[in-house]
All heavy atoms as atom14 arrays in JSON, in Angstrom:
{
  "sequence": "GEGFHIARWTGVLIVAPILWIFLFTLFDSLCGSATESPWG",
  "atom14_mask": [
    [1, 1, 1, 1, 0, 0, 0, 0, 0, 0, 0, 0, 0, 0],
    [1, 1, 1, 1, 1, 1, 1, 1, 1, 0, 0, 0, 0, 0],
    [1, 1, 1, 1, 0, 0, 0, 0, 0, 0, 0, 0, 0, 0],
    [1, 1, 1, 1, 1, 1, 1, 1, 1, 1, 1, 0, 0, 0],
    [1, 1, 1, 1, 1, 1, 1, 1, 1, 1, 0, 0, 0, 0],
    [1, 1, 1, 1, 1, 1, 1, 1, 0, 0, 0, 0, 0, 0],
    [1, 1, 1, 1, 1, 0, 0, 0, 0, 0, 0, 0, 0, 0],
    [1, 1, 1, 1, 1, 1, 1, 1, 1, 1, 1, 0, 0, 0],
    [1, 1, 1, 1, 1, 1, 1, 1, 1, 1, 1, 1, 1, 1],
    [1, 1, 1, 1, 1, 1, 1, 0, 0, 0, 0, 0, 0, 0],
    [1, 1, 1, 1, 0, 0, 0, 0, 0, 0, 0, 0, 0, 0],
    [1, 1, 1, 1, 1, 1, 1, 0, 0, 0, 0, 0, 0, 0],
    [1, 1, 1, 1, 1, 1, 1, 1, 0, 0, 0, 0, 0, 0],
    [1, 1, 1, 1, 1, 1, 1, 1, 0, 0, 0, 0, 0, 0],
    [1, 1, 1, 1, 1, 1, 1, 0, 0, 0, 0, 0, 0, 0],
    [1, 1, 1, 1, 1, 0, 0, 0, 0, 0, 0, 0, 0, 0],
    [1, 1, 1, 1, 1, 1, 1, 0, 0, 0, 0, 0, 0, 0],
    [1, 1, 1, 1, 1, 1, 1, 1, 0, 0, 0, 0, 0, 0],
    [1, 1, 1, 1, 1, 1, 1, 1, 0, 0, 0, 0, 0, 0],
    [1, 1, 1, 1, 1, 1, 1, 1, 1, 1, 1, 1, 1, 1],
    [1, 1, 1, 1, 1, 1, 1, 1, 0, 0, 0, 0, 0, 0],
    [1, 1, 1, 1, 1, 1, 1, 1, 1, 1, 1, 0, 0, 0],
    [1, 1, 1, 1, 1, 1, 1, 1, 0, 0, 0, 0, 0, 0],
    [1, 1, 1, 1, 1, 1, 1, 1, 1, 1, 1, 0, 0, 0],
    [1, 1, 1, 1, 1, 1, 1, 0, 0, 0, 0, 0, 0, 0],
    [1, 1, 1, 1, 1, 1, 1, 1, 0, 0, 0, 0, 0, 0],
    [1, 1, 1, 1, 1, 1, 1, 1, 1, 1, 1, 0, 0, 0],
    [1, 1, 1, 1, 1, 1, 1, 1, 0, 0, 0, 0, 0, 0],
    [1, 1, 1, 1, 1, 1, 0, 0, 0, 0, 0, 0, 0, 0],
    [1, 1, 1, 1, 1, 1, 1, 1, 0, 0, 0, 0, 0, 0],
    [1, 1, 1, 1, 1, 1, 0, 0, 0, 0, 0, 0, 0, 0],
    [1, 1, 1, 1, 0, 0, 0, 0, 0, 0, 0, 0, 0, 0],
    [1, 1, 1, 1, 1, 1, 0, 0, 0, 0, 0, 0, 0, 0],
    [1, 1, 1, 1, 1, 0, 0, 0, 0, 0, 0, 0, 0, 0],
    [1, 1, 1, 1, 1, 1, 1, 0, 0, 0, 0, 0, 0, 0],
    [1, 1, 1, 1, 1, 1, 1, 1, 1, 0, 0, 0, 0, 0],
    [1, 1, 1, 1, 1, 1, 0, 0, 0, 0, 0, 0, 0, 0],
    [1, 1, 1, 1, 1, 1, 1, 0, 0, 0, 0, 0, 0, 0],
    [1, 1, 1, 1, 1, 1, 1, 1, 1, 1, 1, 1, 1, 1],
    [1, 1, 1, 1, 0, 0, 0, 0, 0, 0, 0, 0, 0, 0]
  ],
  "atom14_positions": [
    [[18.42, -1.94, -14.25], [18.44, -2.74, -15.47], [18.83, -1.9, -16.66], [19.66, -2.33, -17.48], [0.0, 0.0, 0.0], [0.0, 0.0, 0.0], [0.0, 0.0, 0.0], [0.0, 0.0, 0.0], [0.0, 0.0, 0.0], [0.0, 0.0, 0.0], [0.0, 0.0, 0.0], [0.0, 0.0, 0.0], [0.0, 0.0, 0.0], [0.0, 0.0, 0.0]],
    [[18.3, -0.66, -16.75], [18.69, 0.16, -17.89], [20.11, 0.65, -17.76], [20.82, 0.72, -18.74], [17.73, 1.34, -17.99], [17.99, 2.17, -19.25], [17.27, 3.5, -19.34], [16.91, 4.04, -18.23], [17.07, 4.01, -20.41], [0.0, 0.0, 0.0], [0.0, 0.0, 0.0], [0.0, 0.0, 0.0], [0.0, 0.0, 0.0], [0.0, 0.0, 0.0]],
    [[20.53, 0.96, -16.56], [21.89, 1.38, -16.31], [22.86, 0.37, -16.79], [23.92, 0.71, -17.41], [0.0, 0.0, 0.0], [0.0, 0.0, 0.0], [0.0, 0.0, 0.0], [0.0, 0.0, 0.0], [0.0, 0.0, 0.0], [0.0, 0.0, 0.0], [0.0, 0.0, 0.0], [0.0, 0.0, 0.0], [0.0, 0.0, 0.0], [0.0, 0.0, 0.0]],
    [[22.63, -0.89, -16.5], [23.51, -1.98, -16.95], [23.53, -2.08, -18.46], [24.52, -2.32, -19.1], [23.12, -3.32, -16.3], [24.12, -4.43, -16.53], [25.23, -4.52, -15.75], [23.9, -5.3, -17.54], [26.15, -5.58, -15.97], [24.81, -6.38, -17.8], [25.93, -6.45, -16.98], [0.0, 0.0, 0.0], [0.0, 0.0, 0.0], [0.0, 0.0, 0.0]],
    [[22.31, -1.93, -19.07], [22.25, -2.04, -20.52], [22.94, -0.83, -21.24], [23.52, -1.05, -22.28], [20.78, -2.05, -20.93], [20.56, -2.37, -22.41], [21.13, -3.44, -23.03], [19.82, -1.72, -23.34], [20.75, -3.49, -24.26], [20.02, -2.43, -24.51], [0.0, 0.0, 0.0], [0.0, 0.0, 0.0], [0.0, 0.0, 0.0], [0.0, 0.0, 0.0]],
    [[22.99, 0.28, -20.57], [23.61, 1.45, -21.16], [25.14, 1.35, -21.1], [25.84, 1.6, -22.09], [23.18, 2.72, -20.43], [21.7, 3.04, -20.84], [24.05, 3.94, -20.75], [21.14, 4.23, -20.1], [0.0, 0.0, 0.0], [0.0, 0.0, 0.0], [0.0, 0.0, 0.0], [0.0, 0.0, 0.0], [0.0, 0.0, 0.0], [0.0, 0.0, 0.0]],
    [[25.68, 0.99, -19.92], [27.16, 1.0, -19.79], [27.64, -0.02, -18.79], [28.66, 0.19, -18.16], [27.63, 2.36, -19.42], [0.0, 0.0, 0.0], [0.0, 0.0, 0.0], [0.0, 0.0, 0.0], [0.0, 0.0, 0.0], [0.0, 0.0, 0.0], [0.0, 0.0, 0.0], [0.0, 0.0, 0.0], [0.0, 0.0, 0.0], [0.0, 0.0, 0.0]],
    [[26.94, -1.15, -18.68], [27.3, -2.21, -17.75], [27.52, -1.58, -16.33], [26.68, -0.82, -15.84], [28.53, -2.98, -18.24], [28.3, -3.79, -19.48], [29.5, -4.58, -19.94], [29.93, -5.53, -18.87], [29.4, -6.79, -18.72], [28.5, -7.24, -19.56], [29.86, -7.56, -17.76], [0.0, 0.0, 0.0], [0.0, 0.0, 0.0], [0.0, 0.0, 0.0]],
    [[28.64, -1.99, -15.63], [28.76, -1.56, -14.22], [28.95, -0.07, -14.07], [28.65, 0.54, -13.03], [29.89, -2.32, -13.61], [29.63, -3.82, -13.56], [30.28, -4.81, -14.25], [28.63, -4.47, -12.79], [29.73, -6.05, -13.95], [28.67, -5.88, -13.05], [27.66, -4.0, -11.87], [27.85, -6.81, -12.48], [26.77, -4.99, -11.3], [26.88, -6.32, -11.6]],
    [[29.51, 0.6, -15.11], [29.64, 2.03, -15.08], [28.26, 2.69, -15.0], [28.09, 3.69, -14.27], [30.36, 2.57, -16.33], [31.66, 1.94, -16.39], [30.52, 4.06, -16.29], [0.0, 0.0, 0.0], [0.0, 0.0, 0.0], [0.0, 0.0, 0.0], [0.0, 0.0, 0.0], [0.0, 0.0, 0.0], [0.0, 0.0, 0.0], [0.0, 0.0, 0.0]],
    [[27.3, 2.12, -15.76], [25.95, 2.66, -15.7], [25.28, 2.49, -14.35], [24.55, 3.38, -13.87], [0.0, 0.0, 0.0], [0.0, 0.0, 0.0], [0.0, 0.0, 0.0], [0.0, 0.0, 0.0], [0.0, 0.0, 0.0], [0.0, 0.0, 0.0], [0.0, 0.0, 0.0], [0.0, 0.0, 0.0], [0.0, 0.0, 0.0], [0.0, 0.0, 0.0]],
    [[25.55, 1.32, -13.7], [24.92, 1.05, -12.4], [25.58, 1.76, -11.26], [24.89, 2.27, -10.37], [24.92, -0.51, -12.17], [24.32, -0.85, -10.79], [24.15, -1.25, -13.25], [0.0, 0.0, 0.0], [0.0, 0.0, 0.0], [0.0, 0.0, 0.0], [0.0, 0.0, 0.0], [0.0, 0.0, 0.0], [0.0, 0.0, 0.0], [0.0, 0.0, 0.0]],
    [[26.92, 1.86, -11.26], [27.67, 2.34, -10.12], [28.11, 3.78, -10.21], [28.62, 4.41, -9.25], [28.87, 1.48, -9.85], [28.57, -0.01, -9.5], [29.86, -0.82, -9.43], [27.76, -0.11, -8.22], [0.0, 0.0, 0.0], [0.0, 0.0, 0.0], [0.0, 0.0, 0.0], [0.0, 0.0, 0.0], [0.0, 0.0, 0.0], [0.0, 0.0, 0.0]],
    [[27.95, 4.39, -11.44], [28.45, 5.8, -11.63], [27.32, 6.64, -12.18], [26.91, 7.64, -11.56], [29.65, 5.84, -12.52], [30.86, 5.17, -11.84], [30.01, 7.34, -12.82], [32.16, 5.15, -12.67], [0.0, 0.0, 0.0], [0.0, 0.0, 0.0], [0.0, 0.0, 0.0], [0.0, 0.0, 0.0], [0.0, 0.0, 0.0], [0.0, 0.0, 0.0]],
    [[26.74, 6.26, -13.3], [25.72, 7.13, -14.01], [24.48, 7.21, -13.14], [23.98, 8.29, -12.87], [25.41, 6.53, -15.39], [24.28, 7.35, -16.05], [26.63, 6.53, -16.27], [0.0, 0.0, 0.0], [0.0, 0.0, 0.0], [0.0, 0.0, 0.0], [0.0, 0.0, 0.0], [0.0, 0.0, 0.0], [0.0, 0.0, 0.0], [0.0, 0.0, 0.0]],
    [[23.92, 6.05, -12.7], [22.7, 6.08, -11.96], [22.87, 6.8, -10.61], [22.01, 7.64, -10.25], [22.18, 4.64, -11.7], [0.0, 0.0, 0.0], [0.0, 0.0, 0.0], [0.0, 0.0, 0.0], [0.0, 0.0, 0.0], [0.0, 0.0, 0.0], [0.0, 0.0, 0.0], [0.0, 0.0, 0.0], [0.0, 0.0, 0.0], [0.0, 0.0, 0.0]],
    [[23.91, 6.61, -9.81], [24.05, 7.32, -8.58], [24.18, 8.83, -8.71], [23.67, 9.55, -7.92], [25.33, 6.71, -7.92], [25.46, 5.38, -8.56], [24.91, 5.51, -9.96], [0.0, 0.0, 0.0], [0.0, 0.0, 0.0], [0.0, 0.0, 0.0], [0.0, 0.0, 0.0], [0.0, 0.0, 0.0], [0.0, 0.0, 0.0], [0.0, 0.0, 0.0]],
    [[24.81, 9.26, -9.77], [24.97, 10.71, -10.02], [23.58, 11.3, -10.27], [23.24, 12.38, -9.71], [25.88, 10.99, -11.23], [27.32, 10.66, -10.9], [25.79, 12.45, -11.69], [28.3, 10.76, -12.02], [0.0, 0.0, 0.0], [0.0, 0.0, 0.0], [0.0, 0.0, 0.0], [0.0, 0.0, 0.0], [0.0, 0.0, 0.0], [0.0, 0.0, 0.0]],
    [[22.77, 10.66, -11.04], [21.4, 11.15, -11.27], [20.59, 11.14, -9.99], [19.81, 12.05, -9.74], [20.73, 10.31, -12.36], [21.32, 10.39, -13.76], [20.62, 9.47, -14.74], [21.23, 11.83, -14.29], [0.0, 0.0, 0.0], [0.0, 0.0, 0.0], [0.0, 0.0, 0.0], [0.0, 0.0, 0.0], [0.0, 0.0, 0.0], [0.0, 0.0, 0.0]],
    [[20.72, 10.06, -9.19], [19.97, 10.0, -7.94], [20.43, 11.06, -6.99], [19.59, 11.6, -6.22], [20.17, 8.61, -7.33], [19.47, 7.5, -8.03], [18.29, 7.61, -8.71], [19.85, 6.13, -8.16], [17.89, 6.43, -9.28], [18.86, 5.47, -8.92], [20.95, 5.4, -7.73], [18.91, 4.13, -9.26], [21.0, 4.02, -8.05], [20.01, 3.44, -8.79]],
    [[21.69, 11.41, -6.96], [22.17, 12.45, -6.02], [21.54, 13.77, -6.42], [21.06, 14.51, -5.56], [23.7, 12.54, -6.07], [24.32, 11.34, -5.36], [24.2, 13.79, -5.44], [25.84, 11.24, -5.59], [0.0, 0.0, 0.0], [0.0, 0.0, 0.0], [0.0, 0.0, 0.0], [0.0, 0.0, 0.0], [0.0, 0.0, 0.0], [0.0, 0.0, 0.0]],
    [[21.5, 14.06, -7.68], [20.86, 15.3, -8.15], [19.35, 15.31, -7.73], [18.83, 16.32, -7.25], [20.95, 15.42, -9.67], [22.33, 15.8, -10.15], [22.77, 15.39, -11.41], [23.17, 16.55, -9.36], [24.04, 15.73, -11.86], [24.45, 16.91, -9.82], [24.89, 16.47, -11.11], [0.0, 0.0, 0.0], [0.0, 0.0, 0.0], [0.0, 0.0, 0.0]],
    [[18.74, 14.16, -7.97], [17.3, 14.12, -7.7], [16.97, 14.27, -6.19], [16.15, 15.06, -5.81], [16.78, 12.71, -8.18], [15.23, 12.58, -8.04], [14.5, 13.39, -9.05], [14.89, 11.06, -8.27], [0.0, 0.0, 0.0], [0.0, 0.0, 0.0], [0.0, 0.0, 0.0], [0.0, 0.0, 0.0], [0.0, 0.0, 0.0], [0.0, 0.0, 0.0]],
    [[17.68, 13.51, -5.34], [17.41, 13.55, -3.88], [17.77, 14.92, -3.3], [17.01, 15.45, -2.51], [18.21, 12.45, -3.21], [17.91, 11.03, -3.63], [18.79, 10.04, -3.49], [16.66, 10.8, -4.17], [18.47, 8.75, -3.86], [16.32, 9.45, -4.55], [17.26, 8.46, -4.46], [0.0, 0.0, 0.0], [0.0, 0.0, 0.0], [0.0, 0.0, 0.0]],
    [[18.87, 15.5, -3.74], [19.31, 16.83, -3.26], [18.29, 17.89, -3.62], [17.91, 18.7, -2.84], [20.69, 17.17, -3.77], [21.63, 16.17, -3.44], [21.13, 18.53, -3.2], [0.0, 0.0, 0.0], [0.0, 0.0, 0.0], [0.0, 0.0, 0.0], [0.0, 0.0, 0.0], [0.0, 0.0, 0.0], [0.0, 0.0, 0.0], [0.0, 0.0, 0.0]],
    [[17.84, 17.83, -4.87], [16.88, 18.84, -5.34], [15.56, 18.78, -4.59], [15.12, 19.81, -4.07], [16.64, 18.61, -6.86], [15.58, 19.48, -7.51], [15.99, 20.97, -7.42], [15.38, 19.12, -8.98], [0.0, 0.0, 0.0], [0.0, 0.0, 0.0], [0.0, 0.0, 0.0], [0.0, 0.0, 0.0], [0.0, 0.0, 0.0], [0.0, 0.0, 0.0]],
    [[14.96, 17.59, -4.47], [13.66, 17.54, -3.87], [13.7, 17.7, -2.34], [12.81, 18.2, -1.74], [12.98, 16.24, -4.27], [12.32, 16.33, -5.65], [12.95, 15.67, -6.67], [11.19, 17.06, -5.84], [12.4, 15.8, -8.0], [10.61, 17.14, -7.12], [11.25, 16.52, -8.15], [0.0, 0.0, 0.0], [0.0, 0.0, 0.0], [0.0, 0.0, 0.0]],
    [[14.8, 17.2, -1.72], [14.96, 17.49, -0.28], [15.14, 18.96, 0.0], [14.6, 19.45, 0.99], [16.12, 16.67, 0.29], [15.8, 15.2, 0.43], [14.62, 14.84, 0.41], [16.77, 14.38, 0.57], [0.0, 0.0, 0.0], [0.0, 0.0, 0.0], [0.0, 0.0, 0.0], [0.0, 0.0, 0.0], [0.0, 0.0, 0.0], [0.0, 0.0, 0.0]],
    [[15.83, 19.61, -0.84], [16.03, 21.06, -0.63], [14.75, 21.87, -0.97], [14.55, 22.91, -0.33], [17.23, 21.57, -1.58], [18.41, 20.94, -1.27], [0.0, 0.0, 0.0], [0.0, 0.0, 0.0], [0.0, 0.0, 0.0], [0.0, 0.0, 0.0], [0.0, 0.0, 0.0], [0.0, 0.0, 0.0], [0.0, 0.0, 0.0], [0.0, 0.0, 0.0]],
    [[14.02, 21.38, -1.9], [12.7, 22.07, -2.21], [11.68, 21.87, -1.13], [11.0, 22.77, -0.65], [12.15, 21.57, -3.54], [12.67, 22.21, -4.82], [12.01, 21.54, -6.0], [12.32, 23.71, -4.83], [0.0, 0.0, 0.0], [0.0, 0.0, 0.0], [0.0, 0.0, 0.0], [0.0, 0.0, 0.0], [0.0, 0.0, 0.0], [0.0, 0.0, 0.0]],
    [[11.47, 20.57, -0.75], [10.27, 20.18, 0.06], [10.57, 19.97, 1.53], [9.63, 20.19, 2.35], [9.68, 18.89, -0.54], [9.31, 19.02, -2.29], [0.0, 0.0, 0.0], [0.0, 0.0, 0.0], [0.0, 0.0, 0.0], [0.0, 0.0, 0.0], [0.0, 0.0, 0.0], [0.0, 0.0, 0.0], [0.0, 0.0, 0.0], [0.0, 0.0, 0.0]],
    [[11.77, 19.6, 1.88], [12.07, 19.33, 3.3], [11.35, 18.08, 3.81], [11.01, 17.19, 3.02], [0.0, 0.0, 0.0], [0.0, 0.0, 0.0], [0.0, 0.0, 0.0], [0.0, 0.0, 0.0], [0.0, 0.0, 0.0], [0.0, 0.0, 0.0], [0.0, 0.0, 0.0], [0.0, 0.0, 0.0], [0.0, 0.0, 0.0], [0.0, 0.0, 0.0]],
    [[11.16, 18.02, 5.09], [10.56, 16.87, 5.74], [9.09, 16.73, 5.35], [8.36, 17.69, 5.41], [10.67, 16.91, 7.25], [9.96, 15.95, 7.9], [0.0, 0.0, 0.0], [0.0, 0.0, 0.0], [0.0, 0.0, 0.0], [0.0, 0.0, 0.0], [0.0, 0.0, 0.0], [0.0, 0.0, 0.0], [0.0, 0.0, 0.0], [0.0, 0.0, 0.0]],
    [[8.64, 15.54, 5.02], [7.28, 15.29, 4.69], [6.34, 15.43, 5.84], [5.16, 15.54, 5.7], [7.15, 13.85, 4.06], [0.0, 0.0, 0.0], [0.0, 0.0, 0.0], [0.0, 0.0, 0.0], [0.0, 0.0, 0.0], [0.0, 0.0, 0.0], [0.0, 0.0, 0.0], [0.0, 0.0, 0.0], [0.0, 0.0, 0.0], [0.0, 0.0, 0.0]],
    [[6.84, 15.36, 7.08], [6.03, 15.49, 8.24], [5.73, 16.99, 8.54], [4.8, 17.26, 9.32], [6.71, 14.92, 9.54], [7.94, 15.61, 9.75], [7.0, 13.46, 9.32], [0.0, 0.0, 0.0], [0.0, 0.0, 0.0], [0.0, 0.0, 0.0], [0.0, 0.0, 0.0], [0.0, 0.0, 0.0], [0.0, 0.0, 0.0], [0.0, 0.0, 0.0]],
    [[6.45, 17.88, 7.92], [6.28, 19.35, 8.14], [5.7, 20.05, 6.96], [5.0, 21.04, 7.11], [7.57, 19.98, 8.52], [8.22, 19.42, 9.8], [9.56, 20.02, 10.13], [10.02, 20.86, 9.27], [10.16, 19.68, 11.13], [0.0, 0.0, 0.0], [0.0, 0.0, 0.0], [0.0, 0.0, 0.0], [0.0, 0.0, 0.0], [0.0, 0.0, 0.0]],
    [[5.95, 19.57, 5.78], [5.55, 20.24, 4.56], [4.75, 19.28, 3.65], [5.14, 18.13, 3.49], [6.76, 20.77, 3.78], [6.39, 21.2, 2.52], [0.0, 0.0, 0.0], [0.0, 0.0, 0.0], [0.0, 0.0, 0.0], [0.0, 0.0, 0.0], [0.0, 0.0, 0.0], [0.0, 0.0, 0.0], [0.0, 0.0, 0.0], [0.0, 0.0, 0.0]],
    [[3.6, 19.77, 3.07], [2.83, 18.89, 2.24], [3.42, 18.56, 0.85], [3.05, 17.64, 0.19], [1.51, 19.66, 2.06], [1.89, 21.11, 2.25], [2.99, 21.1, 3.23], [0.0, 0.0, 0.0], [0.0, 0.0, 0.0], [0.0, 0.0, 0.0], [0.0, 0.0, 0.0], [0.0, 0.0, 0.0], [0.0, 0.0, 0.0], [0.0, 0.0, 0.0]],
    [[4.46, 19.37, 0.45], [4.94, 19.24, -0.92], [5.73, 17.88, -1.06], [5.71, 17.27, -2.09], [5.87, 20.4, -1.25], [5.33, 21.67, -0.77], [5.95, 22.54, 0.13], [4.08, 22.24, -1.04], [5.13, 23.6, 0.38], [3.96, 23.44, -0.35], [2.97, 21.88, -1.87], [2.86, 24.29, -0.39], [1.86, 22.65, -1.89], [1.82, 23.85, -1.17]],
    [[6.39, 17.49, 0.02], [7.08, 16.22, 0.01], [6.12, 15.06, -0.19], [6.45, 14.09, -0.79], [0.0, 0.0, 0.0], [0.0, 0.0, 0.0], [0.0, 0.0, 0.0], [0.0, 0.0, 0.0], [0.0, 0.0, 0.0], [0.0, 0.0, 0.0], [0.0, 0.0, 0.0], [0.0, 0.0, 0.0], [0.0, 0.0, 0.0], [0.0, 0.0, 0.0]]
  ]
}
């Protein structure tokens, strides 16, 4: 909803996914599998 308010479809399809890629890559690289490490 905020992504659309910021830049319409550019916010939803470009801005938000870029931020999610950074987020998922960072925490997956830090914590690994939740079944093996408690940090996840």
